[in-house]
Amino acid sequence: MIRAVVHAESVDLRLSADHQLRSRVGPSFQGGPLLMGVALMSILLTACAHHRAGVPFAPWQLRGTVVDVHDGQVRVRHKSGQVVDLVIDERTTIIGSEGAATPSLLTHGRRVVINVEPLADGRGRAARVQVFGT
């Protein structure tokens, strides 16, 4: 029976040659968690970016119930419970079941859908108010 004799020097040479081959190909990619962390941080930083001055916010719609109307303002309670104060001016269009209406139609408890235009000072202006119910 013939046994192969392996000398320690030949094993070391074989291991170093294998290591050199792998180093030429390049290391295996292990940046997965790091890459995901960087991507997540960039998304979070983008989402938390502040609103630039001089760029108007987009109009939005508020559905709720009138709480109070006084001194050119209407207070509306959203279904979440939040009360929103809005400016009413001469450009505000109020529409009731019969068509165009006056601010006197806005009474406590009336359901409304309001198109809100953001103002430069941070407040909102009621551009169009649709009043429901009697």
N, C-alpha and C. Protein backbone atom coordinates (compact mmCIF):
# COMPACT_ATOMS: atom_id res chain seq x y z
N MET A 1 0.84 -1.17 0.00
CA MET A 1 0.00 0.00 0.00
C MET A 1 0.89 1.24 0.00
N ILE A 2 0.55 2.20 -0.83
CA ILE A 2 1.36 3.41 -0.97
C ILE A 2 0.58 4.57 -0.36
N ARG A 3 1.25 5.29 0.49
CA ARG A 3 0.62 6.46 1.09
C ARG A 3 1.32 7.71 0.59
N ALA A 4 0.49 8.73 0.34
CA ALA A 4 1.08 9.98 -0.10
C ALA A 4 1.60 10.73 1.10
N VAL A 5 2.76 11.26 0.99
CA VAL A 5 3.35 12.02 2.07
C VAL A 5 3.23 13.50 1.70
N VAL A 6 2.59 14.21 2.58
CA VAL A 6 2.41 15.65 2.34
C VAL A 6 3.30 16.38 3.32
N HIS A 7 4.12 17.20 2.80
CA HIS A 7 5.02 17.98 3.64
C HIS A 7 4.36 19.32 3.98
N ALA A 8 4.68 19.83 5.13
CA ALA A 8 4.10 21.09 5.61
C ALA A 8 4.41 22.24 4.66
N GLU A 9 5.57 22.26 4.05
CA GLU A 9 5.93 23.34 3.16
C GLU A 9 5.00 23.39 1.95
N SER A 10 4.63 22.23 1.41
CA SER A 10 3.76 22.21 0.23
C SER A 10 2.34 22.66 0.58
N VAL A 11 1.90 22.37 1.81
CA VAL A 11 0.56 22.83 2.25
C VAL A 11 0.57 24.34 2.37
N ASP A 12 1.62 24.90 2.96
CA ASP A 12 1.71 26.35 3.10
C ASP A 12 1.73 27.03 1.74
N LEU A 13 2.45 26.46 0.78
CA LEU A 13 2.50 27.05 -0.55
C LEU A 13 1.13 27.01 -1.22
N ARG A 14 0.43 25.89 -1.05
CA ARG A 14 -0.88 25.76 -1.65
C ARG A 14 -1.86 26.78 -1.04
N LEU A 15 -1.84 26.97 0.30
CA LEU A 15 -2.71 27.93 0.96
C LEU A 15 -2.39 29.36 0.54
N SER A 16 -1.11 29.69 0.43
CA SER A 16 -0.76 31.05 0.05
C SER A 16 -1.15 31.33 -1.40
N ALA A 17 -1.04 30.33 -2.27
CA ALA A 17 -1.46 30.51 -3.66
C ALA A 17 -2.96 30.71 -3.74
N ASP A 18 -3.72 29.97 -2.95
CA ASP A 18 -5.18 30.11 -2.92
C ASP A 18 -5.56 31.50 -2.40
N HIS A 19 -4.86 31.95 -1.36
CA HIS A 19 -5.13 33.28 -0.81
C HIS A 19 -4.83 34.37 -1.83
N GLN A 20 -3.76 34.24 -2.59
CA GLN A 20 -3.41 35.22 -3.62
C GLN A 20 -4.46 35.26 -4.72
N LEU A 21 -4.98 34.08 -5.07
CA LEU A 21 -6.01 34.04 -6.11
C LEU A 21 -7.26 34.78 -5.65
N ARG A 22 -7.67 34.55 -4.41
CA ARG A 22 -8.87 35.24 -3.89
C ARG A 22 -8.64 36.74 -3.79
N SER A 23 -7.45 37.16 -3.41
CA SER A 23 -7.20 38.59 -3.27
C SER A 23 -7.19 39.28 -4.63
N ARG A 24 -6.85 38.56 -5.70
CA ARG A 24 -6.90 39.16 -7.04
C ARG A 24 -8.34 39.34 -7.51
N VAL A 25 -9.20 38.41 -7.16
CA VAL A 25 -10.60 38.49 -7.57
C VAL A 25 -11.29 39.61 -6.81
N GLY A 26 -10.90 39.83 -5.59
CA GLY A 26 -11.49 40.88 -4.77
C GLY A 26 -12.21 40.27 -3.59
N PRO A 27 -12.39 41.06 -2.56
CA PRO A 27 -13.06 40.53 -1.37
C PRO A 27 -14.55 40.32 -1.65
N SER A 28 -15.13 39.42 -0.90
CA SER A 28 -16.57 39.21 -1.06
C SER A 28 -17.29 40.45 -0.54
N PHE A 29 -18.45 40.76 -1.11
CA PHE A 29 -19.20 41.95 -0.73
C PHE A 29 -19.84 41.74 0.63
N GLN A 30 -19.44 42.54 1.60
CA GLN A 30 -20.01 42.43 2.93
C GLN A 30 -20.57 43.77 3.38
N GLY A 31 -20.87 44.66 2.46
CA GLY A 31 -21.36 45.98 2.80
C GLY A 31 -22.87 46.07 2.83
N GLY A 32 -23.58 44.96 2.79
CA GLY A 32 -25.04 44.96 2.77
C GLY A 32 -25.65 45.77 3.90
N PRO A 33 -25.32 45.46 5.17
CA PRO A 33 -25.91 46.23 6.28
C PRO A 33 -25.51 47.71 6.24
N LEU A 34 -24.26 47.99 5.87
CA LEU A 34 -23.81 49.37 5.79
C LEU A 34 -24.57 50.12 4.69
N LEU A 35 -24.70 49.48 3.54
CA LEU A 35 -25.42 50.10 2.42
C LEU A 35 -26.87 50.36 2.79
N MET A 36 -27.51 49.42 3.45
CA MET A 36 -28.90 49.61 3.88
C MET A 36 -29.02 50.76 4.88
N GLY A 37 -28.05 50.86 5.78
CA GLY A 37 -28.06 51.94 6.77
C GLY A 37 -27.92 53.30 6.12
N VAL A 38 -27.02 53.40 5.16
CA VAL A 38 -26.83 54.67 4.44
C VAL A 38 -28.09 55.03 3.66
N ALA A 39 -28.70 54.05 3.00
CA ALA A 39 -29.93 54.31 2.24
C ALA A 39 -31.05 54.76 3.16
N LEU A 40 -31.20 54.12 4.31
CA LEU A 40 -32.24 54.48 5.26
C LEU A 40 -32.02 55.89 5.80
N MET A 41 -30.79 56.22 6.12
CA MET A 41 -30.50 57.58 6.62
C MET A 41 -30.81 58.64 5.58
N SER A 42 -30.48 58.38 4.32
CA SER A 42 -30.75 59.37 3.28
C SER A 42 -32.26 59.55 3.09
N ILE A 43 -33.02 58.48 3.20
CA ILE A 43 -34.48 58.60 3.09
C ILE A 43 -35.03 59.39 4.26
N LEU A 44 -34.57 59.10 5.48
CA LEU A 44 -35.05 59.82 6.65
C LEU A 44 -34.69 61.29 6.60
N LEU A 45 -33.48 61.61 6.18
CA LEU A 45 -33.08 63.01 6.10
C LEU A 45 -33.88 63.76 5.05
N THR A 46 -34.22 63.10 3.96
CA THR A 46 -35.04 63.73 2.94
C THR A 46 -36.44 63.97 3.46
N ALA A 47 -36.99 63.03 4.20
CA ALA A 47 -38.34 63.17 4.74
C ALA A 47 -38.42 64.25 5.80
N CYS A 48 -37.32 64.50 6.49
CA CYS A 48 -37.31 65.49 7.57
C CYS A 48 -36.85 66.87 7.10
N ALA A 49 -36.69 67.04 5.81
CA ALA A 49 -36.20 68.32 5.30
C ALA A 49 -37.21 69.42 5.59
N HIS A 50 -36.70 70.57 5.94
CA HIS A 50 -37.58 71.70 6.25
C HIS A 50 -38.10 72.35 4.98
N HIS A 51 -39.24 72.99 5.13
CA HIS A 51 -39.85 73.71 4.01
C HIS A 51 -39.02 74.96 3.73
N ARG A 52 -38.65 75.16 2.48
CA ARG A 52 -37.86 76.33 2.11
C ARG A 52 -38.74 77.57 2.11
N ALA A 53 -38.19 78.67 2.59
CA ALA A 53 -38.91 79.94 2.60
C ALA A 53 -39.14 80.40 1.18
N GLY A 54 -40.29 80.98 0.94
CA GLY A 54 -40.60 81.52 -0.38
C GLY A 54 -41.29 80.53 -1.29
N VAL A 55 -41.32 79.25 -0.91
CA VAL A 55 -42.00 78.25 -1.73
C VAL A 55 -43.34 77.95 -1.05
N PRO A 56 -44.46 78.21 -1.71
CA PRO A 56 -45.76 78.04 -1.06
C PRO A 56 -46.08 76.56 -0.83
N PHE A 57 -46.80 76.30 0.26
CA PHE A 57 -47.30 74.96 0.50
C PHE A 57 -48.44 74.69 -0.46
N ALA A 58 -48.75 73.44 -0.68
CA ALA A 58 -49.82 73.08 -1.59
C ALA A 58 -51.18 73.25 -0.90
N PRO A 59 -52.20 73.63 -1.66
CA PRO A 59 -53.56 73.71 -1.09
C PRO A 59 -54.00 72.33 -0.62
N TRP A 60 -54.89 72.29 0.36
CA TRP A 60 -55.39 71.03 0.88
C TRP A 60 -56.86 71.17 1.23
N GLN A 61 -57.50 70.07 1.56
CA GLN A 61 -58.93 70.07 1.82
C GLN A 61 -59.19 69.62 3.26
N LEU A 62 -60.09 70.33 3.93
CA LEU A 62 -60.46 70.04 5.31
C LEU A 62 -61.94 69.68 5.36
N ARG A 63 -62.26 68.56 5.98
CA ARG A 63 -63.64 68.16 6.19
C ARG A 63 -63.87 68.15 7.69
N GLY A 64 -64.95 68.78 8.12
CA GLY A 64 -65.22 68.81 9.56
C GLY A 64 -66.50 69.52 9.88
N THR A 65 -66.58 69.96 11.15
CA THR A 65 -67.77 70.62 11.68
C THR A 65 -67.39 72.00 12.20
N VAL A 66 -68.22 72.99 11.90
CA VAL A 66 -67.95 74.36 12.35
C VAL A 66 -68.09 74.42 13.86
N VAL A 67 -67.06 74.98 14.51
CA VAL A 67 -67.09 75.18 15.96
C VAL A 67 -67.49 76.61 16.27
N ASP A 68 -66.90 77.56 15.52
CA ASP A 68 -67.15 78.97 15.81
C ASP A 68 -66.78 79.81 14.59
N VAL A 69 -67.46 80.95 14.43
CA VAL A 69 -67.13 81.92 13.39
C VAL A 69 -67.13 83.29 14.04
N HIS A 70 -66.01 84.01 13.94
CA HIS A 70 -65.94 85.37 14.47
C HIS A 70 -64.72 86.10 13.92
N ASP A 71 -64.82 87.40 13.77
CA ASP A 71 -63.71 88.28 13.37
C ASP A 71 -62.94 87.78 12.15
N GLY A 72 -63.65 87.37 11.12
CA GLY A 72 -63.00 86.95 9.89
C GLY A 72 -62.29 85.61 9.98
N GLN A 73 -62.67 84.80 10.96
CA GLN A 73 -62.09 83.47 11.11
C GLN A 73 -63.19 82.44 11.34
N VAL A 74 -62.91 81.23 10.87
CA VAL A 74 -63.79 80.10 11.15
C VAL A 74 -62.95 79.02 11.82
N ARG A 75 -63.52 78.41 12.87
CA ARG A 75 -62.85 77.31 13.56
C ARG A 75 -63.60 76.03 13.19
N VAL A 76 -62.85 75.04 12.69
CA VAL A 76 -63.46 73.79 12.22
C VAL A 76 -62.80 72.63 12.96
N ARG A 77 -63.65 71.72 13.48
CA ARG A 77 -63.14 70.53 14.16
C ARG A 77 -63.13 69.37 13.17
N HIS A 78 -61.93 68.82 12.96
CA HIS A 78 -61.75 67.65 12.11
C HIS A 78 -62.21 66.42 12.90
N LYS A 79 -62.49 65.31 12.22
CA LYS A 79 -62.96 64.11 12.91
C LYS A 79 -61.92 63.56 13.88
N SER A 80 -60.66 63.95 13.72
CA SER A 80 -59.60 63.52 14.65
C SER A 80 -59.68 64.27 15.97
N GLY A 81 -60.48 65.34 16.00
CA GLY A 81 -60.60 66.15 17.21
C GLY A 81 -59.81 67.44 17.13
N GLN A 82 -58.92 67.55 16.16
CA GLN A 82 -58.10 68.75 16.01
C GLN A 82 -58.98 69.90 15.51
N VAL A 83 -58.81 71.07 16.12
CA VAL A 83 -59.53 72.27 15.69
C VAL A 83 -58.58 73.12 14.86
N VAL A 84 -59.05 73.51 13.67
CA VAL A 84 -58.24 74.29 12.74
C VAL A 84 -58.86 75.67 12.59
N ASP A 85 -58.04 76.71 12.77
CA ASP A 85 -58.48 78.10 12.58
C ASP A 85 -58.12 78.54 11.17
N LEU A 86 -59.11 79.07 10.45
CA LEU A 86 -58.89 79.52 9.07
C LEU A 86 -59.39 80.94 8.90
N VAL A 87 -58.72 81.67 8.02
CA VAL A 87 -59.11 83.04 7.70
C VAL A 87 -60.22 83.01 6.65
N ILE A 88 -61.24 83.85 6.87
CA ILE A 88 -62.29 84.05 5.86
C ILE A 88 -62.18 85.50 5.42
N ASP A 89 -62.08 85.73 4.12
CA ASP A 89 -61.99 87.10 3.62
C ASP A 89 -62.96 87.30 2.46
N GLU A 90 -62.83 88.44 1.79
CA GLU A 90 -63.74 88.76 0.68
C GLU A 90 -63.58 87.84 -0.52
N ARG A 91 -62.46 87.14 -0.61
CA ARG A 91 -62.25 86.20 -1.72
C ARG A 91 -62.78 84.80 -1.43
N THR A 92 -63.20 84.54 -0.21
CA THR A 92 -63.72 83.22 0.16
C THR A 92 -65.08 82.99 -0.49
N THR A 93 -65.23 81.86 -1.15
CA THR A 93 -66.50 81.49 -1.78
C THR A 93 -67.22 80.51 -0.85
N ILE A 94 -68.47 80.83 -0.50
CA ILE A 94 -69.26 79.96 0.36
C ILE A 94 -70.42 79.43 -0.46
N ILE A 95 -70.58 78.11 -0.46
CA ILE A 95 -71.61 77.47 -1.27
C ILE A 95 -72.49 76.62 -0.36
N GLY A 96 -73.79 76.88 -0.41
CA GLY A 96 -74.76 76.09 0.36
C GLY A 96 -75.53 75.18 -0.59
N SER A 97 -76.61 74.60 -0.08
CA SER A 97 -77.42 73.69 -0.89
C SER A 97 -78.14 74.43 -2.02
N GLU A 98 -78.36 75.72 -1.86
CA GLU A 98 -79.04 76.53 -2.87
C GLU A 98 -78.08 77.26 -3.81
N GLY A 99 -76.78 77.08 -3.60
CA GLY A 99 -75.79 77.78 -4.42
C GLY A 99 -74.96 78.71 -3.56
N ALA A 100 -74.62 79.88 -4.13
CA ALA A 100 -73.78 80.84 -3.40
C ALA A 100 -74.48 81.28 -2.12
N ALA A 101 -73.67 81.46 -1.06
CA ALA A 101 -74.22 81.83 0.24
C ALA A 101 -73.31 82.85 0.92
N THR A 102 -73.74 83.30 2.08
CA THR A 102 -72.98 84.28 2.86
C THR A 102 -72.38 83.59 4.09
N PRO A 103 -71.44 84.26 4.75
CA PRO A 103 -70.84 83.67 5.96
C PRO A 103 -71.86 83.38 7.08
N SER A 104 -73.05 83.99 7.01
CA SER A 104 -74.06 83.73 8.03
C SER A 104 -74.53 82.27 8.01
N LEU A 105 -74.28 81.57 6.91
CA LEU A 105 -74.64 80.15 6.80
C LEU A 105 -73.71 79.28 7.65
N LEU A 106 -72.55 79.81 8.00
CA LEU A 106 -71.58 79.07 8.81
C LEU A 106 -71.94 79.20 10.28
N THR A 107 -72.68 78.24 10.79
CA THR A 107 -73.09 78.25 12.20
C THR A 107 -72.56 77.01 12.89
N HIS A 108 -72.55 77.06 14.22
CA HIS A 108 -72.03 75.96 15.02
C HIS A 108 -72.72 74.64 14.65
N GLY A 109 -71.90 73.61 14.41
CA GLY A 109 -72.42 72.28 14.12
C GLY A 109 -72.62 71.96 12.64
N ARG A 110 -72.47 72.95 11.76
CA ARG A 110 -72.65 72.70 10.33
C ARG A 110 -71.47 71.91 9.79
N ARG A 111 -71.76 70.92 8.97
CA ARG A 111 -70.69 70.15 8.33
C ARG A 111 -70.20 70.92 7.11
N VAL A 112 -68.87 70.94 6.94
CA VAL A 112 -68.27 71.70 5.84
C VAL A 112 -67.12 70.93 5.21
N VAL A 113 -66.87 71.25 3.95
CA VAL A 113 -65.66 70.83 3.25
C VAL A 113 -65.02 72.12 2.77
N ILE A 114 -63.79 72.34 3.20
CA ILE A 114 -63.11 73.62 2.92
C ILE A 114 -61.84 73.36 2.13
N ASN A 115 -61.68 74.10 1.03
CA ASN A 115 -60.42 74.12 0.30
C ASN A 115 -59.55 75.18 0.96
N VAL A 116 -58.42 74.75 1.51
CA VAL A 116 -57.55 75.63 2.29
C VAL A 116 -56.34 76.02 1.47
N GLU A 117 -56.07 77.33 1.43
CA GLU A 117 -54.86 77.86 0.80
C GLU A 117 -53.92 78.32 1.91
N PRO A 118 -52.72 77.79 1.96
CA PRO A 118 -51.75 78.24 2.97
C PRO A 118 -51.33 79.69 2.71
N LEU A 119 -51.21 80.45 3.77
CA LEU A 119 -50.73 81.83 3.67
C LEU A 119 -49.26 81.88 4.04
N ALA A 120 -48.60 82.96 3.65
CA ALA A 120 -47.16 83.11 3.89
C ALA A 120 -46.83 83.14 5.38
N ASP A 121 -47.75 83.60 6.23
CA ASP A 121 -47.47 83.68 7.67
C ASP A 121 -47.74 82.38 8.41
N GLY A 122 -48.08 81.31 7.67
CA GLY A 122 -48.29 80.01 8.30
C GLY A 122 -49.75 79.67 8.56
N ARG A 123 -50.61 80.67 8.49
CA ARG A 123 -52.05 80.41 8.67
C ARG A 123 -52.64 79.86 7.39
N GLY A 124 -53.89 79.44 7.45
CA GLY A 124 -54.59 78.96 6.27
C GLY A 124 -55.78 79.84 5.96
N ARG A 125 -56.10 79.97 4.69
CA ARG A 125 -57.24 80.77 4.26
C ARG A 125 -58.28 79.85 3.64
N ALA A 126 -59.53 80.02 4.04
CA ALA A 126 -60.62 79.25 3.45
C ALA A 126 -60.92 79.85 2.08
N ALA A 127 -60.50 79.16 1.01
CA ALA A 127 -60.73 79.67 -0.34
C ALA A 127 -62.15 79.34 -0.80
N ARG A 128 -62.61 78.12 -0.50
CA ARG A 128 -63.95 77.69 -0.91
C ARG A 128 -64.53 76.85 0.22
N VAL A 129 -65.76 77.19 0.63
CA VAL A 129 -66.41 76.47 1.72
C VAL A 129 -67.71 75.89 1.20
N GLN A 130 -67.84 74.57 1.25
CA GLN A 130 -69.07 73.88 0.88
C GLN A 130 -69.77 73.52 2.18
N VAL A 131 -71.02 74.01 2.37
CA VAL A 131 -71.76 73.79 3.61
C VAL A 131 -72.83 72.73 3.38
N PHE A 132 -72.95 71.78 4.29
CA PHE A 132 -73.93 70.70 4.19
C PHE A 132 -74.91 70.76 5.35
N GLY A 133 -76.09 70.21 5.16
CA GLY A 133 -77.09 70.15 6.22
C GLY A 133 -77.89 71.44 6.31
N THR A 134 -78.84 71.42 7.23
CA THR A 134 -79.71 72.60 7.40
C THR A 134 -79.48 73.27 8.70
